[in-house]
N, C-alpha and C. Protein backbone atom coordinates (compact mmCIF):
# COMPACT_ATOMS: atom_id res chain seq x y z
N UNK A 1 9.67 2.35 18.70
CA UNK A 1 9.16 1.50 17.63
C UNK A 1 8.28 2.31 16.69
N UNK A 2 8.35 1.97 15.41
CA UNK A 2 7.55 2.67 14.40
C UNK A 2 6.23 1.92 14.21
N UNK A 3 5.27 2.27 15.05
CA UNK A 3 3.99 1.58 15.05
C UNK A 3 2.86 2.60 15.01
N UNK A 4 1.67 2.13 14.65
CA UNK A 4 0.48 2.99 14.68
C UNK A 4 -0.75 2.12 14.82
N UNK A 5 -1.77 2.69 15.45
CA UNK A 5 -3.09 2.08 15.54
C UNK A 5 -4.10 3.14 15.11
N UNK A 6 -5.01 2.76 14.23
CA UNK A 6 -6.02 3.70 13.75
C UNK A 6 -7.37 3.03 13.68
N UNK A 7 -8.40 3.84 13.88
CA UNK A 7 -9.79 3.40 13.72
C UNK A 7 -10.51 4.49 12.94
N UNK A 8 -11.21 4.09 11.89
CA UNK A 8 -12.00 5.02 11.07
C UNK A 8 -13.38 4.43 10.88
N UNK A 9 -14.40 5.19 11.27
CA UNK A 9 -15.77 4.72 11.13
C UNK A 9 -16.60 5.77 10.39
N UNK A 10 -17.32 5.31 9.37
CA UNK A 10 -18.25 6.15 8.64
C UNK A 10 -19.56 5.38 8.51
N UNK A 11 -20.53 5.96 7.81
CA UNK A 11 -21.78 5.24 7.58
C UNK A 11 -21.60 4.10 6.58
N UNK A 12 -20.44 4.07 5.90
CA UNK A 12 -20.18 3.03 4.89
C UNK A 12 -19.23 1.94 5.37
N UNK A 13 -18.27 2.31 6.22
CA UNK A 13 -17.26 1.34 6.67
C UNK A 13 -16.86 1.60 8.11
N UNK A 14 -16.33 0.56 8.74
CA UNK A 14 -15.75 0.65 10.08
C UNK A 14 -14.46 -0.17 10.03
N UNK A 15 -13.33 0.51 10.12
CA UNK A 15 -12.03 -0.15 9.88
C UNK A 15 -11.06 0.16 11.00
N UNK A 16 -10.41 -0.89 11.49
CA UNK A 16 -9.36 -0.78 12.50
C UNK A 16 -8.09 -1.39 11.93
N UNK A 17 -6.97 -0.74 12.22
CA UNK A 17 -5.70 -1.31 11.80
C UNK A 17 -4.62 -1.05 12.83
N UNK A 18 -3.65 -1.94 12.88
CA UNK A 18 -2.42 -1.79 13.65
C UNK A 18 -1.28 -2.18 12.72
N UNK A 19 -0.22 -1.38 12.71
CA UNK A 19 0.94 -1.73 11.88
C UNK A 19 2.23 -1.54 12.68
N UNK A 20 3.22 -2.32 12.30
CA UNK A 20 4.57 -2.21 12.84
C UNK A 20 5.51 -2.25 11.64
N UNK A 21 6.16 -1.12 11.38
CA UNK A 21 7.02 -1.02 10.19
C UNK A 21 8.30 -1.84 10.32
N UNK A 22 8.64 -2.23 11.53
CA UNK A 22 9.86 -3.01 11.76
C UNK A 22 9.51 -4.44 12.15
N UNK A 23 8.52 -4.98 11.47
CA UNK A 23 8.02 -6.31 11.80
C UNK A 23 8.66 -7.41 11.00
N UNK A 24 7.94 -8.53 10.95
CA UNK A 24 8.41 -9.72 10.25
C UNK A 24 7.48 -10.11 9.10
N UNK A 25 6.41 -9.34 8.92
CA UNK A 25 5.44 -9.67 7.88
C UNK A 25 4.23 -10.41 8.39
N UNK A 26 4.08 -10.53 9.70
CA UNK A 26 2.91 -11.21 10.24
C UNK A 26 1.66 -10.39 9.93
N UNK A 27 0.54 -11.06 9.75
CA UNK A 27 -0.66 -10.33 9.36
C UNK A 27 -1.93 -11.06 9.77
N UNK A 28 -2.94 -10.29 10.10
CA UNK A 28 -4.29 -10.75 10.34
C UNK A 28 -5.18 -9.79 9.57
N UNK A 29 -5.83 -10.29 8.53
CA UNK A 29 -6.54 -9.42 7.59
C UNK A 29 -7.95 -9.94 7.36
N UNK A 30 -8.91 -9.05 7.46
CA UNK A 30 -10.29 -9.44 7.16
C UNK A 30 -11.06 -8.21 6.68
N UNK A 31 -11.11 -8.06 5.36
CA UNK A 31 -11.87 -6.96 4.77
C UNK A 31 -13.24 -7.42 4.28
N UNK A 32 -13.44 -8.75 4.22
CA UNK A 32 -14.65 -9.28 3.60
C UNK A 32 -14.50 -9.45 2.10
N UNK A 33 -13.36 -9.02 1.56
CA UNK A 33 -13.06 -9.16 0.12
C UNK A 33 -11.85 -10.07 0.02
N UNK A 34 -12.07 -11.31 -0.36
CA UNK A 34 -11.01 -12.31 -0.35
C UNK A 34 -9.77 -11.90 -1.11
N UNK A 35 -9.94 -11.39 -2.32
CA UNK A 35 -8.76 -11.06 -3.12
C UNK A 35 -8.01 -9.88 -2.53
N UNK A 36 -8.72 -8.91 -1.96
CA UNK A 36 -8.05 -7.78 -1.32
C UNK A 36 -7.24 -8.25 -0.11
N UNK A 37 -7.79 -9.16 0.68
CA UNK A 37 -7.03 -9.72 1.80
C UNK A 37 -5.73 -10.36 1.29
N UNK A 38 -5.84 -11.09 0.18
CA UNK A 38 -4.66 -11.74 -0.43
C UNK A 38 -3.62 -10.70 -0.84
N UNK A 39 -4.05 -9.56 -1.37
CA UNK A 39 -3.12 -8.51 -1.78
C UNK A 39 -2.50 -7.80 -0.58
N UNK A 40 -3.29 -7.54 0.46
CA UNK A 40 -2.75 -6.90 1.66
C UNK A 40 -1.72 -7.81 2.34
N UNK A 41 -1.94 -9.12 2.24
CA UNK A 41 -0.95 -10.06 2.77
C UNK A 41 0.39 -9.90 2.06
N UNK A 42 0.36 -9.59 0.77
CA UNK A 42 1.61 -9.38 0.03
C UNK A 42 2.37 -8.18 0.57
N UNK A 43 1.63 -7.10 0.92
CA UNK A 43 2.28 -5.92 1.48
C UNK A 43 2.97 -6.28 2.79
N UNK A 44 2.27 -7.02 3.63
CA UNK A 44 2.86 -7.41 4.91
C UNK A 44 4.09 -8.30 4.71
N UNK A 45 3.91 -9.38 3.98
CA UNK A 45 4.99 -10.37 3.86
C UNK A 45 6.22 -9.84 3.12
N UNK A 46 5.99 -9.14 2.02
CA UNK A 46 7.13 -8.68 1.21
C UNK A 46 7.67 -7.33 1.67
N UNK A 47 6.88 -6.59 2.43
CA UNK A 47 7.36 -5.34 3.00
C UNK A 47 7.93 -5.50 4.39
N UNK A 48 7.78 -6.71 4.97
CA UNK A 48 8.16 -6.98 6.36
C UNK A 48 7.50 -5.98 7.31
N UNK A 49 6.22 -5.73 7.05
CA UNK A 49 5.40 -4.85 7.88
C UNK A 49 4.33 -5.72 8.53
N UNK A 50 4.27 -5.71 9.86
CA UNK A 50 3.19 -6.42 10.54
C UNK A 50 1.90 -5.62 10.38
N UNK A 51 0.85 -6.28 9.94
CA UNK A 51 -0.42 -5.59 9.70
C UNK A 51 -1.57 -6.39 10.31
N UNK A 52 -2.37 -5.71 11.10
CA UNK A 52 -3.68 -6.21 11.50
C UNK A 52 -4.68 -5.24 10.91
N UNK A 53 -5.63 -5.75 10.14
CA UNK A 53 -6.66 -4.87 9.55
C UNK A 53 -7.99 -5.61 9.55
N UNK A 54 -8.96 -5.01 10.21
CA UNK A 54 -10.32 -5.55 10.29
C UNK A 54 -11.27 -4.51 9.72
N UNK A 55 -12.00 -4.90 8.68
CA UNK A 55 -12.92 -3.96 8.03
C UNK A 55 -14.32 -4.55 7.96
N UNK A 56 -15.28 -3.71 8.28
CA UNK A 56 -16.68 -4.05 8.07
C UNK A 56 -17.25 -2.97 7.17
N UNK A 57 -17.76 -3.37 6.02
CA UNK A 57 -18.24 -2.38 5.07
C UNK A 57 -19.54 -2.79 4.42
N UNK A 58 -20.06 -1.91 3.60
CA UNK A 58 -21.33 -2.12 2.92
C UNK A 58 -21.15 -2.97 1.66
N UNK A 59 -20.66 -4.19 1.87
CA UNK A 59 -20.39 -5.09 0.74
C UNK A 59 -21.67 -5.53 0.04
N UNK A 60 -22.82 -5.33 0.67
CA UNK A 60 -24.09 -5.64 0.00
C UNK A 60 -24.34 -4.68 -1.16
N UNK A 61 -23.64 -3.52 -1.14
CA UNK A 61 -23.73 -2.58 -2.26
C UNK A 61 -22.70 -2.98 -3.31
N UNK A 62 -21.43 -2.87 -2.94
CA UNK A 62 -20.32 -3.41 -3.74
C UNK A 62 -19.05 -3.28 -2.91
N UNK A 63 -17.89 -3.57 -3.51
CA UNK A 63 -16.63 -3.59 -2.77
C UNK A 63 -15.95 -2.23 -2.69
N UNK A 64 -16.50 -1.22 -3.37
CA UNK A 64 -15.79 0.04 -3.56
C UNK A 64 -15.42 0.71 -2.23
N UNK A 65 -16.39 0.96 -1.37
CA UNK A 65 -16.11 1.71 -0.14
C UNK A 65 -15.13 0.98 0.76
N UNK A 66 -15.27 -0.32 0.88
CA UNK A 66 -14.38 -1.10 1.74
C UNK A 66 -12.96 -1.10 1.18
N UNK A 67 -12.82 -1.27 -0.11
CA UNK A 67 -11.49 -1.26 -0.73
C UNK A 67 -10.82 0.10 -0.55
N UNK A 68 -11.53 1.16 -0.91
CA UNK A 68 -10.95 2.50 -0.84
C UNK A 68 -10.63 2.90 0.61
N UNK A 69 -11.56 2.64 1.52
CA UNK A 69 -11.35 3.07 2.91
C UNK A 69 -10.26 2.25 3.60
N UNK A 70 -10.10 0.99 3.22
CA UNK A 70 -9.00 0.21 3.80
C UNK A 70 -7.66 0.81 3.39
N UNK A 71 -7.57 1.34 2.18
CA UNK A 71 -6.34 1.98 1.73
C UNK A 71 -6.11 3.30 2.46
N UNK A 72 -7.18 4.05 2.70
CA UNK A 72 -7.05 5.31 3.44
C UNK A 72 -6.53 5.06 4.86
N UNK A 73 -7.07 4.05 5.51
CA UNK A 73 -6.66 3.74 6.88
C UNK A 73 -5.23 3.22 6.91
N UNK A 74 -4.89 2.33 6.00
CA UNK A 74 -3.53 1.78 5.97
C UNK A 74 -2.51 2.86 5.62
N UNK A 75 -2.84 3.73 4.67
CA UNK A 75 -1.94 4.82 4.32
C UNK A 75 -1.74 5.80 5.47
N UNK A 76 -2.82 6.14 6.16
CA UNK A 76 -2.72 7.05 7.31
C UNK A 76 -1.90 6.42 8.43
N UNK A 77 -2.05 5.11 8.63
CA UNK A 77 -1.26 4.42 9.65
C UNK A 77 0.23 4.45 9.29
N UNK A 78 0.55 4.24 8.01
CA UNK A 78 1.94 4.33 7.57
C UNK A 78 2.51 5.70 7.87
N UNK A 79 1.76 6.74 7.53
CA UNK A 79 2.23 8.11 7.77
C UNK A 79 2.46 8.36 9.25
N UNK A 80 1.54 7.91 10.08
CA UNK A 80 1.69 8.11 11.53
C UNK A 80 2.89 7.34 12.07
N UNK A 81 3.07 6.10 11.61
CA UNK A 81 4.19 5.28 12.10
C UNK A 81 5.54 5.86 11.70
N UNK A 82 5.60 6.53 10.55
CA UNK A 82 6.86 7.12 10.09
C UNK A 82 7.22 8.39 10.85
N UNK A 83 6.24 9.03 11.47
CA UNK A 83 6.52 10.26 12.22
C UNK A 83 7.12 11.33 11.33
N UNK A 84 8.26 11.90 11.74
CA UNK A 84 8.89 12.97 10.94
C UNK A 84 9.79 12.42 9.83
N UNK A 85 9.85 11.10 9.70
CA UNK A 85 10.62 10.42 8.64
C UNK A 85 12.13 10.55 8.82
N UNK A 86 12.57 10.91 10.00
CA UNK A 86 14.00 11.06 10.25
C UNK A 86 14.72 9.73 10.02
N UNK A 87 15.81 9.80 9.25
CA UNK A 87 16.68 8.66 9.05
C UNK A 87 16.25 7.63 8.03
N UNK A 88 15.10 7.84 7.36
CA UNK A 88 14.66 6.84 6.37
C UNK A 88 15.37 7.04 5.04
N UNK A 89 15.33 6.02 4.21
CA UNK A 89 15.93 6.09 2.88
C UNK A 89 15.12 7.00 1.96
N UNK A 90 13.81 7.02 2.11
CA UNK A 90 12.83 7.89 1.44
C UNK A 90 12.37 7.36 0.09
N UNK A 91 13.26 6.89 -0.76
CA UNK A 91 12.89 6.45 -2.10
C UNK A 91 12.90 4.93 -2.21
N UNK A 92 12.03 4.40 -3.06
CA UNK A 92 12.04 2.98 -3.34
C UNK A 92 11.67 2.73 -4.79
N UNK A 93 12.31 1.76 -5.41
CA UNK A 93 12.02 1.43 -6.82
C UNK A 93 12.19 -0.06 -7.02
N UNK A 94 11.18 -0.69 -7.63
CA UNK A 94 11.19 -2.13 -7.81
C UNK A 94 10.61 -2.49 -9.17
N UNK A 95 11.25 -3.44 -9.84
CA UNK A 95 10.64 -4.14 -10.97
C UNK A 95 10.09 -5.44 -10.40
N UNK A 96 8.78 -5.61 -10.49
CA UNK A 96 8.11 -6.72 -9.82
C UNK A 96 7.54 -7.70 -10.84
N UNK A 97 8.14 -8.89 -10.98
CA UNK A 97 7.61 -9.88 -11.91
C UNK A 97 6.65 -10.84 -11.20
N UNK A 98 5.65 -11.29 -11.93
CA UNK A 98 4.78 -12.37 -11.47
C UNK A 98 4.44 -13.18 -12.70
N UNK A 99 5.18 -14.25 -12.92
CA UNK A 99 5.05 -15.04 -14.14
C UNK A 99 5.20 -14.14 -15.36
N UNK A 100 4.17 -14.04 -16.22
CA UNK A 100 4.30 -13.23 -17.44
C UNK A 100 4.13 -11.73 -17.19
N UNK A 101 3.66 -11.37 -16.01
CA UNK A 101 3.40 -9.96 -15.68
C UNK A 101 4.67 -9.29 -15.14
N UNK A 102 4.82 -8.02 -15.48
CA UNK A 102 5.94 -7.23 -14.98
C UNK A 102 5.42 -5.82 -14.69
N UNK A 103 5.65 -5.36 -13.46
CA UNK A 103 5.18 -4.05 -13.03
C UNK A 103 6.35 -3.29 -12.41
N UNK A 104 6.42 -2.00 -12.74
CA UNK A 104 7.43 -1.12 -12.12
C UNK A 104 6.71 -0.25 -11.09
N UNK A 105 7.25 -0.24 -9.86
CA UNK A 105 6.71 0.61 -8.80
C UNK A 105 7.84 1.50 -8.29
N UNK A 106 7.60 2.80 -8.32
CA UNK A 106 8.57 3.78 -7.86
C UNK A 106 7.85 4.71 -6.89
N UNK A 107 8.45 4.97 -5.73
CA UNK A 107 7.78 5.85 -4.78
C UNK A 107 8.77 6.74 -4.05
N UNK A 108 8.22 7.85 -3.58
CA UNK A 108 8.95 8.84 -2.81
C UNK A 108 8.08 9.21 -1.61
N UNK A 109 8.59 8.98 -0.42
CA UNK A 109 7.87 9.40 0.79
C UNK A 109 8.16 10.89 0.93
N UNK A 110 7.38 11.67 0.22
CA UNK A 110 7.68 13.07 -0.03
C UNK A 110 6.82 14.05 0.75
N UNK A 111 5.69 13.58 1.28
CA UNK A 111 4.72 14.50 1.85
C UNK A 111 3.84 15.13 0.78
N UNK A 112 4.06 14.75 -0.48
CA UNK A 112 3.27 15.28 -1.60
C UNK A 112 2.52 14.12 -2.25
N UNK A 113 1.24 13.93 -1.90
CA UNK A 113 0.50 12.79 -2.44
C UNK A 113 0.25 12.90 -3.94
N UNK A 114 0.57 11.82 -4.64
CA UNK A 114 0.31 11.77 -6.08
C UNK A 114 0.36 10.31 -6.52
N UNK A 115 -0.56 9.96 -7.40
CA UNK A 115 -0.51 8.63 -8.03
C UNK A 115 -0.47 8.79 -9.53
N UNK A 116 0.51 8.16 -10.15
CA UNK A 116 0.54 7.98 -11.60
C UNK A 116 0.32 6.49 -11.85
N UNK A 117 -0.78 6.15 -12.52
CA UNK A 117 -1.21 4.75 -12.67
C UNK A 117 -1.32 4.43 -14.16
N UNK A 118 -0.51 3.51 -14.63
CA UNK A 118 -0.56 3.05 -16.02
C UNK A 118 -0.59 1.53 -16.03
N UNK A 119 -1.72 0.99 -15.62
CA UNK A 119 -1.89 -0.46 -15.51
C UNK A 119 -3.22 -0.84 -16.15
N UNK A 120 -3.18 -1.80 -17.05
CA UNK A 120 -4.39 -2.30 -17.69
C UNK A 120 -4.62 -3.75 -17.29
N UNK A 121 -5.90 -4.08 -17.09
CA UNK A 121 -6.28 -5.45 -16.72
C UNK A 121 -7.14 -6.05 -17.83
N UNK A 122 -6.83 -7.27 -18.26
CA UNK A 122 -7.61 -7.92 -19.31
C UNK A 122 -9.04 -8.26 -18.88
N UNK A 123 -9.26 -8.50 -17.58
CA UNK A 123 -10.60 -8.87 -17.12
C UNK A 123 -11.16 -7.79 -16.20
N UNK A 124 -12.48 -7.79 -16.05
CA UNK A 124 -13.14 -6.78 -15.22
C UNK A 124 -13.19 -7.16 -13.75
N UNK A 125 -13.01 -8.43 -13.44
CA UNK A 125 -13.08 -8.89 -12.06
C UNK A 125 -11.98 -9.91 -11.77
N UNK A 126 -11.54 -9.91 -10.50
CA UNK A 126 -10.72 -10.99 -9.97
C UNK A 126 -11.46 -11.44 -8.71
N UNK A 127 -11.97 -12.65 -8.73
CA UNK A 127 -12.88 -13.06 -7.67
C UNK A 127 -14.11 -12.18 -7.73
N UNK A 128 -14.44 -11.56 -6.60
CA UNK A 128 -15.59 -10.64 -6.58
C UNK A 128 -15.16 -9.20 -6.80
N UNK A 129 -13.87 -8.94 -6.85
CA UNK A 129 -13.36 -7.57 -6.85
C UNK A 129 -13.22 -7.03 -8.27
N UNK A 130 -13.79 -5.85 -8.50
CA UNK A 130 -13.66 -5.17 -9.79
C UNK A 130 -12.21 -4.71 -9.95
N UNK A 131 -11.62 -4.97 -11.09
CA UNK A 131 -10.22 -4.58 -11.29
C UNK A 131 -10.05 -3.05 -11.32
N UNK A 132 -11.10 -2.30 -11.63
CA UNK A 132 -10.99 -0.84 -11.59
C UNK A 132 -10.74 -0.33 -10.17
N UNK A 133 -11.02 -1.14 -9.17
CA UNK A 133 -10.82 -0.72 -7.78
C UNK A 133 -9.35 -0.69 -7.37
N UNK A 134 -8.48 -1.34 -8.14
CA UNK A 134 -7.06 -1.31 -7.78
C UNK A 134 -6.51 0.10 -7.92
N UNK A 135 -6.86 0.82 -8.96
CA UNK A 135 -6.42 2.20 -9.10
C UNK A 135 -6.96 3.04 -7.94
N UNK A 136 -8.22 2.82 -7.57
CA UNK A 136 -8.81 3.56 -6.45
C UNK A 136 -8.05 3.24 -5.15
N UNK A 137 -7.68 1.98 -4.96
CA UNK A 137 -6.96 1.59 -3.75
C UNK A 137 -5.60 2.30 -3.69
N UNK A 138 -4.84 2.24 -4.77
CA UNK A 138 -3.52 2.86 -4.79
C UNK A 138 -3.61 4.38 -4.65
N UNK A 139 -4.63 4.98 -5.25
CA UNK A 139 -4.82 6.44 -5.14
C UNK A 139 -5.11 6.83 -3.70
N UNK A 140 -6.00 6.11 -3.03
CA UNK A 140 -6.34 6.41 -1.64
C UNK A 140 -5.13 6.18 -0.73
N UNK A 141 -4.39 5.11 -0.98
CA UNK A 141 -3.21 4.82 -0.16
C UNK A 141 -2.16 5.93 -0.29
N UNK A 142 -1.86 6.32 -1.53
CA UNK A 142 -0.87 7.38 -1.76
C UNK A 142 -1.30 8.69 -1.11
N UNK A 143 -2.58 9.00 -1.24
CA UNK A 143 -3.12 10.24 -0.68
C UNK A 143 -2.99 10.27 0.83
N UNK A 144 -3.43 9.21 1.50
CA UNK A 144 -3.41 9.18 2.96
C UNK A 144 -1.99 9.06 3.51
N UNK A 145 -1.12 8.36 2.79
CA UNK A 145 0.27 8.19 3.25
C UNK A 145 1.12 9.41 2.95
N UNK A 146 0.67 10.26 2.01
CA UNK A 146 1.46 11.42 1.62
C UNK A 146 2.67 11.05 0.81
N UNK A 147 2.49 10.09 -0.12
CA UNK A 147 3.62 9.66 -0.94
C UNK A 147 3.35 9.92 -2.42
N UNK A 148 4.42 10.09 -3.16
CA UNK A 148 4.36 10.12 -4.61
C UNK A 148 4.58 8.69 -5.09
N UNK A 149 3.66 8.19 -5.91
CA UNK A 149 3.67 6.78 -6.28
C UNK A 149 3.41 6.61 -7.76
N UNK A 150 4.31 5.93 -8.44
CA UNK A 150 4.16 5.61 -9.86
C UNK A 150 4.07 4.09 -10.00
N UNK A 151 3.03 3.62 -10.68
CA UNK A 151 2.84 2.19 -10.92
C UNK A 151 2.61 2.00 -12.42
N UNK A 152 3.51 1.27 -13.05
CA UNK A 152 3.46 1.08 -14.50
C UNK A 152 3.44 -0.40 -14.83
N UNK A 153 2.38 -0.85 -15.49
CA UNK A 153 2.32 -2.21 -15.97
C UNK A 153 3.10 -2.35 -17.26
N UNK A 154 4.17 -3.10 -17.23
CA UNK A 154 5.05 -3.23 -18.39
C UNK A 154 4.73 -4.44 -19.25
N UNK A 155 4.13 -5.47 -18.63
CA UNK A 155 3.74 -6.68 -19.37
C UNK A 155 2.72 -7.42 -18.53
N UNK A 156 1.93 -8.26 -19.19
CA UNK A 156 1.00 -9.09 -18.45
C UNK A 156 -0.23 -9.46 -19.25
N UNK A 157 -0.70 -10.69 -19.05
CA UNK A 157 -1.89 -11.18 -19.72
C UNK A 157 -2.94 -11.69 -18.74
N UNK A 158 -2.52 -11.97 -17.51
CA UNK A 158 -3.41 -12.52 -16.51
C UNK A 158 -3.66 -11.46 -15.43
N UNK A 159 -4.92 -11.11 -15.20
CA UNK A 159 -5.24 -10.03 -14.27
C UNK A 159 -4.77 -10.30 -12.85
N UNK A 160 -4.89 -11.55 -12.40
CA UNK A 160 -4.43 -11.91 -11.06
C UNK A 160 -2.92 -11.64 -10.94
N UNK A 161 -2.17 -12.06 -11.93
CA UNK A 161 -0.72 -11.86 -11.90
C UNK A 161 -0.36 -10.38 -11.93
N UNK A 162 -1.07 -9.60 -12.73
CA UNK A 162 -0.79 -8.16 -12.82
C UNK A 162 -1.04 -7.48 -11.48
N UNK A 163 -2.20 -7.77 -10.87
CA UNK A 163 -2.53 -7.18 -9.58
C UNK A 163 -1.51 -7.57 -8.52
N UNK A 164 -1.15 -8.83 -8.49
CA UNK A 164 -0.20 -9.31 -7.48
C UNK A 164 1.17 -8.66 -7.68
N UNK A 165 1.58 -8.47 -8.92
CA UNK A 165 2.85 -7.78 -9.18
C UNK A 165 2.80 -6.34 -8.69
N UNK A 166 1.64 -5.69 -8.81
CA UNK A 166 1.48 -4.31 -8.32
C UNK A 166 1.67 -4.25 -6.81
N UNK A 167 0.99 -5.14 -6.08
CA UNK A 167 1.04 -5.10 -4.62
C UNK A 167 2.39 -5.57 -4.09
N UNK A 168 2.98 -6.59 -4.71
CA UNK A 168 4.31 -7.02 -4.28
C UNK A 168 5.34 -5.93 -4.57
N UNK A 169 5.18 -5.26 -5.70
CA UNK A 169 6.07 -4.16 -6.03
C UNK A 169 5.96 -3.03 -5.02
N UNK A 170 4.72 -2.69 -4.64
CA UNK A 170 4.52 -1.67 -3.61
C UNK A 170 5.20 -2.09 -2.31
N UNK A 171 5.02 -3.33 -1.93
CA UNK A 171 5.62 -3.83 -0.68
C UNK A 171 7.13 -3.68 -0.69
N UNK A 172 7.76 -4.12 -1.77
CA UNK A 172 9.22 -4.08 -1.83
C UNK A 172 9.75 -2.65 -1.93
N UNK A 173 9.03 -1.78 -2.66
CA UNK A 173 9.45 -0.38 -2.75
C UNK A 173 9.29 0.32 -1.39
N UNK A 174 8.20 0.01 -0.68
CA UNK A 174 8.03 0.55 0.67
C UNK A 174 9.13 0.08 1.60
N UNK A 175 9.45 -1.20 1.49
CA UNK A 175 10.51 -1.76 2.35
C UNK A 175 11.82 -1.00 2.16
N UNK A 176 12.15 -0.68 0.91
CA UNK A 176 13.35 0.12 0.64
C UNK A 176 13.23 1.50 1.25
N UNK A 177 12.10 2.17 0.97
CA UNK A 177 11.94 3.58 1.32
C UNK A 177 11.89 3.82 2.82
N UNK A 178 11.25 2.91 3.57
CA UNK A 178 11.12 3.12 5.02
C UNK A 178 12.32 2.61 5.80
N UNK A 179 13.23 1.91 5.13
CA UNK A 179 14.40 1.38 5.81
C UNK A 179 15.31 2.51 6.28
N UNK A 180 15.91 2.35 7.44
CA UNK A 180 16.86 3.36 7.92
C UNK A 180 18.07 3.46 6.99
N UNK A 181 18.52 4.67 6.78
CA UNK A 181 19.73 4.94 6.02
C UNK A 181 20.85 5.20 7.03
N UNK A 182 21.75 4.24 7.18
CA UNK A 182 22.79 4.32 8.21
C UNK A 182 23.66 5.56 8.07
N UNK A 183 23.85 6.03 6.86
CA UNK A 183 24.70 7.20 6.64
C UNK A 183 23.99 8.49 7.00
N UNK A 184 22.66 8.45 7.04
CA UNK A 184 21.88 9.65 7.30
C UNK A 184 21.72 9.92 8.80
N UNK A 185 21.79 8.88 9.60
CA UNK A 185 21.57 9.05 11.03
C UNK A 185 20.13 9.44 11.32
N UNK A 186 19.92 10.48 12.11
CA UNK A 186 18.57 10.92 12.46
C UNK A 186 18.11 12.12 11.65
N UNK A 187 18.79 12.39 10.55
CA UNK A 187 18.46 13.53 9.70
C UNK A 187 17.23 13.22 8.84
N UNK A 188 16.38 14.20 8.65
CA UNK A 188 15.23 14.06 7.74
C UNK A 188 15.78 14.15 6.32
N UNK A 189 15.40 13.21 5.43
CA UNK A 189 15.98 13.18 4.08
C UNK A 189 15.36 14.20 3.13
N UNK A 190 15.61 15.47 3.42
CA UNK A 190 15.12 16.55 2.57
C UNK A 190 15.98 17.78 2.78
N UNK A 191 16.26 18.50 1.68
CA UNK A 191 17.04 19.73 1.79
C UNK A 191 16.26 20.80 2.55
N UNK A 192 14.93 20.62 2.65
CA UNK A 192 14.09 21.56 3.41
C UNK A 192 14.16 21.29 4.90
N UNK A 193 14.60 20.08 5.27
CA UNK A 193 14.67 19.72 6.67
C UNK A 193 13.38 19.14 7.21
N UNK A 194 12.37 19.03 6.37
CA UNK A 194 11.08 18.48 6.77
C UNK A 194 10.40 17.86 5.57
N UNK A 195 9.64 16.78 5.79
CA UNK A 195 8.86 16.17 4.71
C UNK A 195 7.39 16.38 5.01
């Protein structure tokens, strides 16, 4: 089974996660940031990845450390669960609509972390969460997971819809990329033989 359990503790956050890449989308999420929990639920449900994530962070300061570190832990768990990436599809690409919002998410499980982020939000906050933290979350996730990730906001007027389209797009692109490629068998999807 493609699963992982991770625990990361610093002076700013203490985060535990368990994931199953071949799940049904079940999730138990508690970061202390309501909107972030809502977005992580999208990754689980639309990516069909079972996720348990419990975070305790210095929310009395702000949401930054908890948001960023939750992405680091989740990305690292994804990387561990994928192992050597043998037999996966590797690439994923999704156009993700949410009402008036439209986001394109393209990713490569490449072993080369990179984020290209072209998303603008009309408002500075959604709930208690600063919208600038979404770029930080995606950057930390891509870095820890070792993936190349492009997120492009193509349309949108409502910040909630734009953010949700980003996370649902990530979920669906991940679902494509981590899915087994029946024609590949147990081969690593790289001409180098390793990712």
